[in-house]
Amino acid sequence: MLAAGGGTTALQTASEWLLATYDRDPASAAAGAVPYLKLFGTVAGGWLMARAALVAAAKPATPEADFYRAKRITARFYAEHVLPEAHVSRESIVNGAGSVLALDETLF
């Protein structure tokens, strides 16, 4: 149900890029700081939603069945609509430094 592999792969490749880039080009690495935080939050949210869905799947015939059904549905929504954003954040981190660094401080 949850395509967590795509999110974790995006986080791993972005993390590796940041670590490899920082020593030789700290400004480019820093330019990806905000998208990296967003990426990490998106993937962590996916992990938490997956955990909740697994717990909910184990409790279908309880008095709280509607609550657990809602957990499974919201986890699926997250996987299909939010988690794919991890790839966009990764692209911004790895390939977006040029446009960030092109802005001269005097333009602010």
N, C-alpha and C. Protein backbone atom coordinates (compact mmCIF):
# COMPACT_ATOMS: atom_id res chain seq x y z
N MET A 1 0.83 -1.20 0.00
CA MET A 1 0.00 0.00 0.00
C MET A 1 0.87 1.26 0.00
N LEU A 2 1.80 1.39 0.94
CA LEU A 2 2.63 2.59 0.99
C LEU A 2 3.90 2.38 0.17
N ALA A 3 4.14 3.30 -0.73
CA ALA A 3 5.33 3.22 -1.57
C ALA A 3 6.49 3.89 -0.87
N ALA A 4 6.81 3.42 0.33
CA ALA A 4 7.83 4.05 1.15
C ALA A 4 9.21 3.97 0.51
N GLY A 5 9.46 2.92 -0.27
CA GLY A 5 10.76 2.77 -0.88
C GLY A 5 11.17 3.96 -1.71
N GLY A 6 10.25 4.55 -2.43
CA GLY A 6 10.56 5.72 -3.23
C GLY A 6 10.96 6.90 -2.37
N GLY A 7 10.26 7.09 -1.27
CA GLY A 7 10.58 8.19 -0.37
C GLY A 7 11.92 7.99 0.31
N THR A 8 12.16 6.78 0.78
CA THR A 8 13.43 6.53 1.46
C THR A 8 14.60 6.59 0.49
N THR A 9 14.37 6.18 -0.74
CA THR A 9 15.42 6.28 -1.76
C THR A 9 15.74 7.74 -2.05
N ALA A 10 14.72 8.57 -2.15
CA ALA A 10 14.93 10.00 -2.37
C ALA A 10 15.71 10.61 -1.21
N LEU A 11 15.35 10.24 0.01
CA LEU A 11 16.06 10.76 1.19
C LEU A 11 17.50 10.28 1.21
N GLN A 12 17.73 9.03 0.89
CA GLN A 12 19.09 8.50 0.89
C GLN A 12 19.95 9.19 -0.15
N THR A 13 19.44 9.33 -1.37
CA THR A 13 20.27 9.95 -2.41
C THR A 13 20.51 11.43 -2.13
N ALA A 14 19.51 12.12 -1.58
CA ALA A 14 19.72 13.53 -1.22
C ALA A 14 20.74 13.66 -0.10
N SER A 15 20.66 12.78 0.88
CA SER A 15 21.62 12.80 2.00
C SER A 15 23.03 12.54 1.50
N GLU A 16 23.18 11.55 0.64
CA GLU A 16 24.50 11.24 0.08
C GLU A 16 25.03 12.42 -0.73
N TRP A 17 24.16 13.08 -1.49
CA TRP A 17 24.59 14.23 -2.28
C TRP A 17 25.06 15.36 -1.37
N LEU A 18 24.29 15.63 -0.32
CA LEU A 18 24.67 16.70 0.61
C LEU A 18 26.02 16.41 1.26
N LEU A 19 26.21 15.18 1.71
CA LEU A 19 27.49 14.82 2.35
C LEU A 19 28.65 14.92 1.37
N ALA A 20 28.44 14.51 0.14
CA ALA A 20 29.50 14.56 -0.86
C ALA A 20 29.79 15.98 -1.32
N THR A 21 28.80 16.84 -1.29
CA THR A 21 28.92 18.20 -1.83
C THR A 21 29.44 19.19 -0.80
N TYR A 22 29.11 19.00 0.46
CA TYR A 22 29.39 20.02 1.47
C TYR A 22 30.86 20.42 1.54
N ASP A 23 31.78 19.46 1.53
CA ASP A 23 33.20 19.79 1.67
C ASP A 23 33.73 20.63 0.51
N ARG A 24 33.28 20.35 -0.70
CA ARG A 24 33.81 21.08 -1.85
C ARG A 24 32.99 22.30 -2.23
N ASP A 25 31.71 22.34 -1.83
CA ASP A 25 30.83 23.45 -2.21
C ASP A 25 29.74 23.65 -1.15
N PRO A 26 30.12 24.20 0.01
CA PRO A 26 29.16 24.33 1.10
C PRO A 26 27.96 25.21 0.75
N ALA A 27 28.13 26.18 -0.11
CA ALA A 27 27.01 27.05 -0.47
C ALA A 27 25.94 26.26 -1.23
N SER A 28 26.36 25.40 -2.13
CA SER A 28 25.38 24.59 -2.87
C SER A 28 24.67 23.61 -1.94
N ALA A 29 25.42 23.04 -1.02
CA ALA A 29 24.79 22.13 -0.05
C ALA A 29 23.79 22.89 0.82
N ALA A 30 24.18 24.06 1.27
CA ALA A 30 23.29 24.86 2.13
C ALA A 30 22.04 25.32 1.38
N ALA A 31 22.16 25.52 0.08
CA ALA A 31 21.00 25.95 -0.71
C ALA A 31 19.88 24.92 -0.67
N GLY A 32 20.22 23.68 -0.38
CA GLY A 32 19.20 22.63 -0.30
C GLY A 32 18.69 22.36 1.09
N ALA A 33 19.02 23.22 2.05
CA ALA A 33 18.65 22.95 3.45
C ALA A 33 17.15 22.89 3.68
N VAL A 34 16.41 23.85 3.18
CA VAL A 34 14.96 23.87 3.40
C VAL A 34 14.27 22.71 2.69
N PRO A 35 14.58 22.45 1.42
CA PRO A 35 13.96 21.28 0.79
C PRO A 35 14.36 19.97 1.48
N TYR A 36 15.58 19.92 2.06
CA TYR A 36 15.99 18.70 2.76
C TYR A 36 15.14 18.49 4.01
N LEU A 37 14.88 19.54 4.74
CA LEU A 37 14.01 19.42 5.91
C LEU A 37 12.61 18.97 5.50
N LYS A 38 12.11 19.52 4.40
CA LYS A 38 10.79 19.11 3.90
C LYS A 38 10.81 17.63 3.50
N LEU A 39 11.86 17.22 2.80
CA LEU A 39 11.99 15.83 2.38
C LEU A 39 12.03 14.90 3.59
N PHE A 40 12.82 15.25 4.58
CA PHE A 40 12.93 14.41 5.77
C PHE A 40 11.58 14.30 6.47
N GLY A 41 10.88 15.41 6.59
CA GLY A 41 9.56 15.40 7.22
C GLY A 41 8.55 14.57 6.44
N THR A 42 8.61 14.65 5.12
CA THR A 42 7.69 13.88 4.27
C THR A 42 7.93 12.38 4.45
N VAL A 43 9.19 11.98 4.46
CA VAL A 43 9.51 10.56 4.61
C VAL A 43 9.20 10.08 6.03
N ALA A 44 9.51 10.88 7.03
CA ALA A 44 9.18 10.50 8.41
C ALA A 44 7.67 10.38 8.58
N GLY A 45 6.93 11.29 7.97
CA GLY A 45 5.47 11.20 8.01
C GLY A 45 4.96 9.93 7.35
N GLY A 46 5.58 9.54 6.26
CA GLY A 46 5.21 8.30 5.58
C GLY A 46 5.47 7.08 6.45
N TRP A 47 6.58 7.10 7.16
CA TRP A 47 6.91 6.00 8.06
C TRP A 47 5.88 5.91 9.18
N LEU A 48 5.52 7.04 9.75
CA LEU A 48 4.51 7.04 10.83
C LEU A 48 3.14 6.60 10.32
N MET A 49 2.78 7.04 9.13
CA MET A 49 1.50 6.62 8.55
C MET A 49 1.51 5.12 8.27
N ALA A 50 2.62 4.60 7.80
CA ALA A 50 2.72 3.16 7.53
C ALA A 50 2.60 2.36 8.82
N ARG A 51 3.25 2.85 9.86
CA ARG A 51 3.13 2.18 11.17
C ARG A 51 1.69 2.14 11.63
N ALA A 52 1.00 3.27 11.52
CA ALA A 52 -0.40 3.34 11.93
C ALA A 52 -1.26 2.41 11.10
N ALA A 53 -0.99 2.33 9.80
CA ALA A 53 -1.76 1.44 8.93
C ALA A 53 -1.56 -0.02 9.29
N LEU A 54 -0.34 -0.39 9.65
CA LEU A 54 -0.08 -1.77 10.05
C LEU A 54 -0.82 -2.13 11.34
N VAL A 55 -0.81 -1.22 12.29
CA VAL A 55 -1.56 -1.45 13.54
C VAL A 55 -3.04 -1.56 13.23
N ALA A 56 -3.54 -0.66 12.40
CA ALA A 56 -4.97 -0.64 12.05
C ALA A 56 -5.38 -1.90 11.31
N ALA A 57 -4.52 -2.41 10.46
CA ALA A 57 -4.84 -3.62 9.69
C ALA A 57 -4.99 -4.84 10.60
N ALA A 58 -4.33 -4.81 11.74
CA ALA A 58 -4.40 -5.94 12.67
C ALA A 58 -5.62 -5.88 13.57
N LYS A 59 -6.43 -4.82 13.46
CA LYS A 59 -7.58 -4.65 14.35
C LYS A 59 -8.87 -4.36 13.59
N PRO A 60 -9.22 -5.16 12.59
CA PRO A 60 -10.41 -4.84 11.80
C PRO A 60 -11.74 -5.09 12.50
N ALA A 61 -11.80 -6.02 13.44
CA ALA A 61 -13.09 -6.39 14.05
C ALA A 61 -13.19 -5.92 15.50
N THR A 62 -12.76 -4.71 15.75
CA THR A 62 -12.85 -4.16 17.10
C THR A 62 -13.97 -3.13 17.14
N PRO A 63 -14.37 -2.70 18.34
CA PRO A 63 -15.39 -1.65 18.42
C PRO A 63 -14.97 -0.35 17.74
N GLU A 64 -13.67 -0.15 17.58
CA GLU A 64 -13.15 1.05 16.92
C GLU A 64 -12.85 0.79 15.45
N ALA A 65 -13.58 -0.11 14.83
CA ALA A 65 -13.30 -0.50 13.43
C ALA A 65 -13.30 0.69 12.49
N ASP A 66 -14.22 1.63 12.67
CA ASP A 66 -14.27 2.81 11.80
C ASP A 66 -13.02 3.67 11.96
N PHE A 67 -12.56 3.81 13.18
CA PHE A 67 -11.34 4.57 13.46
C PHE A 67 -10.16 3.94 12.72
N TYR A 68 -10.02 2.62 12.84
CA TYR A 68 -8.90 1.93 12.20
C TYR A 68 -9.03 1.93 10.68
N ARG A 69 -10.23 1.86 10.18
CA ARG A 69 -10.45 1.96 8.73
C ARG A 69 -10.00 3.34 8.24
N ALA A 70 -10.33 4.37 9.00
CA ALA A 70 -9.90 5.73 8.63
C ALA A 70 -8.38 5.84 8.63
N LYS A 71 -7.73 5.18 9.57
CA LYS A 71 -6.25 5.19 9.61
C LYS A 71 -5.68 4.58 8.33
N ARG A 72 -6.26 3.46 7.90
CA ARG A 72 -5.78 2.82 6.67
C ARG A 72 -6.02 3.71 5.46
N ILE A 73 -7.17 4.35 5.41
CA ILE A 73 -7.50 5.21 4.27
C ILE A 73 -6.59 6.43 4.23
N THR A 74 -6.34 7.05 5.39
CA THR A 74 -5.48 8.24 5.39
C THR A 74 -4.03 7.86 5.08
N ALA A 75 -3.60 6.67 5.49
CA ALA A 75 -2.25 6.23 5.14
C ALA A 75 -2.13 6.04 3.63
N ARG A 76 -3.15 5.49 3.03
CA ARG A 76 -3.13 5.32 1.57
C ARG A 76 -3.11 6.67 0.88
N PHE A 77 -3.93 7.61 1.36
CA PHE A 77 -3.93 8.96 0.79
C PHE A 77 -2.53 9.57 0.87
N TYR A 78 -1.90 9.46 2.04
CA TYR A 78 -0.56 10.01 2.22
C TYR A 78 0.41 9.39 1.22
N ALA A 79 0.32 8.07 1.07
CA ALA A 79 1.22 7.37 0.15
C ALA A 79 1.02 7.81 -1.30
N GLU A 80 -0.22 8.07 -1.66
CA GLU A 80 -0.52 8.40 -3.06
C GLU A 80 -0.42 9.89 -3.39
N HIS A 81 -0.58 10.75 -2.38
CA HIS A 81 -0.64 12.18 -2.66
C HIS A 81 0.46 13.02 -2.02
N VAL A 82 1.01 12.56 -0.92
CA VAL A 82 2.04 13.35 -0.22
C VAL A 82 3.43 12.76 -0.43
N LEU A 83 3.57 11.47 -0.23
CA LEU A 83 4.88 10.83 -0.32
C LEU A 83 5.57 11.02 -1.68
N PRO A 84 4.84 11.08 -2.79
CA PRO A 84 5.53 11.33 -4.07
C PRO A 84 6.26 12.68 -4.11
N GLU A 85 5.89 13.62 -3.25
CA GLU A 85 6.58 14.91 -3.19
C GLU A 85 8.04 14.76 -2.77
N ALA A 86 8.38 13.63 -2.19
CA ALA A 86 9.77 13.39 -1.78
C ALA A 86 10.71 13.50 -2.98
N HIS A 87 10.27 13.03 -4.12
CA HIS A 87 11.12 13.08 -5.32
C HIS A 87 11.32 14.52 -5.80
N VAL A 88 10.30 15.34 -5.66
CA VAL A 88 10.42 16.75 -6.05
C VAL A 88 11.42 17.45 -5.14
N SER A 89 11.33 17.19 -3.84
CA SER A 89 12.28 17.79 -2.90
C SER A 89 13.70 17.34 -3.21
N ARG A 90 13.88 16.06 -3.52
CA ARG A 90 15.21 15.56 -3.85
C ARG A 90 15.78 16.27 -5.08
N GLU A 91 14.96 16.45 -6.09
CA GLU A 91 15.41 17.16 -7.29
C GLU A 91 15.82 18.59 -6.95
N SER A 92 15.06 19.25 -6.10
CA SER A 92 15.38 20.62 -5.70
C SER A 92 16.71 20.68 -4.96
N ILE A 93 16.96 19.70 -4.11
CA ILE A 93 18.22 19.65 -3.35
C ILE A 93 19.40 19.43 -4.29
N VAL A 94 19.29 18.43 -5.12
CA VAL A 94 20.42 18.00 -5.96
C VAL A 94 20.65 18.93 -7.15
N ASN A 95 19.59 19.50 -7.71
CA ASN A 95 19.73 20.28 -8.94
C ASN A 95 19.30 21.74 -8.83
N GLY A 96 18.93 22.20 -7.66
CA GLY A 96 18.37 23.54 -7.55
C GLY A 96 19.27 24.62 -6.98
N ALA A 97 20.50 24.28 -6.66
CA ALA A 97 21.38 25.27 -6.03
C ALA A 97 21.69 26.45 -6.95
N GLY A 98 21.80 26.20 -8.22
CA GLY A 98 22.17 27.27 -9.16
C GLY A 98 21.23 28.45 -9.11
N SER A 99 19.94 28.20 -9.10
CA SER A 99 18.99 29.32 -9.08
C SER A 99 18.97 30.02 -7.73
N VAL A 100 19.21 29.28 -6.66
CA VAL A 100 19.28 29.91 -5.33
C VAL A 100 20.50 30.80 -5.24
N LEU A 101 21.64 30.30 -5.68
CA LEU A 101 22.89 31.05 -5.57
C LEU A 101 23.00 32.17 -6.60
N ALA A 102 22.16 32.16 -7.61
CA ALA A 102 22.18 33.23 -8.62
C ALA A 102 21.64 34.54 -8.07
N LEU A 103 20.90 34.47 -6.99
CA LEU A 103 20.33 35.69 -6.39
C LEU A 103 21.40 36.41 -5.58
N ASP A 104 21.75 37.59 -6.01
CA ASP A 104 22.72 38.41 -5.30
C ASP A 104 22.07 38.99 -4.05
N GLU A 105 22.85 39.11 -2.98
CA GLU A 105 22.31 39.65 -1.72
C GLU A 105 21.73 41.05 -1.89
N THR A 106 22.26 41.81 -2.83
CA THR A 106 21.77 43.18 -3.02
C THR A 106 20.35 43.22 -3.58
N LEU A 107 19.87 42.09 -4.10
CA LEU A 107 18.52 42.03 -4.65
C LEU A 107 17.45 41.90 -3.58
N PHE A 108 17.86 41.69 -2.34
CA PHE A 108 16.88 41.54 -1.26
C PHE A 108 16.62 42.84 -0.56
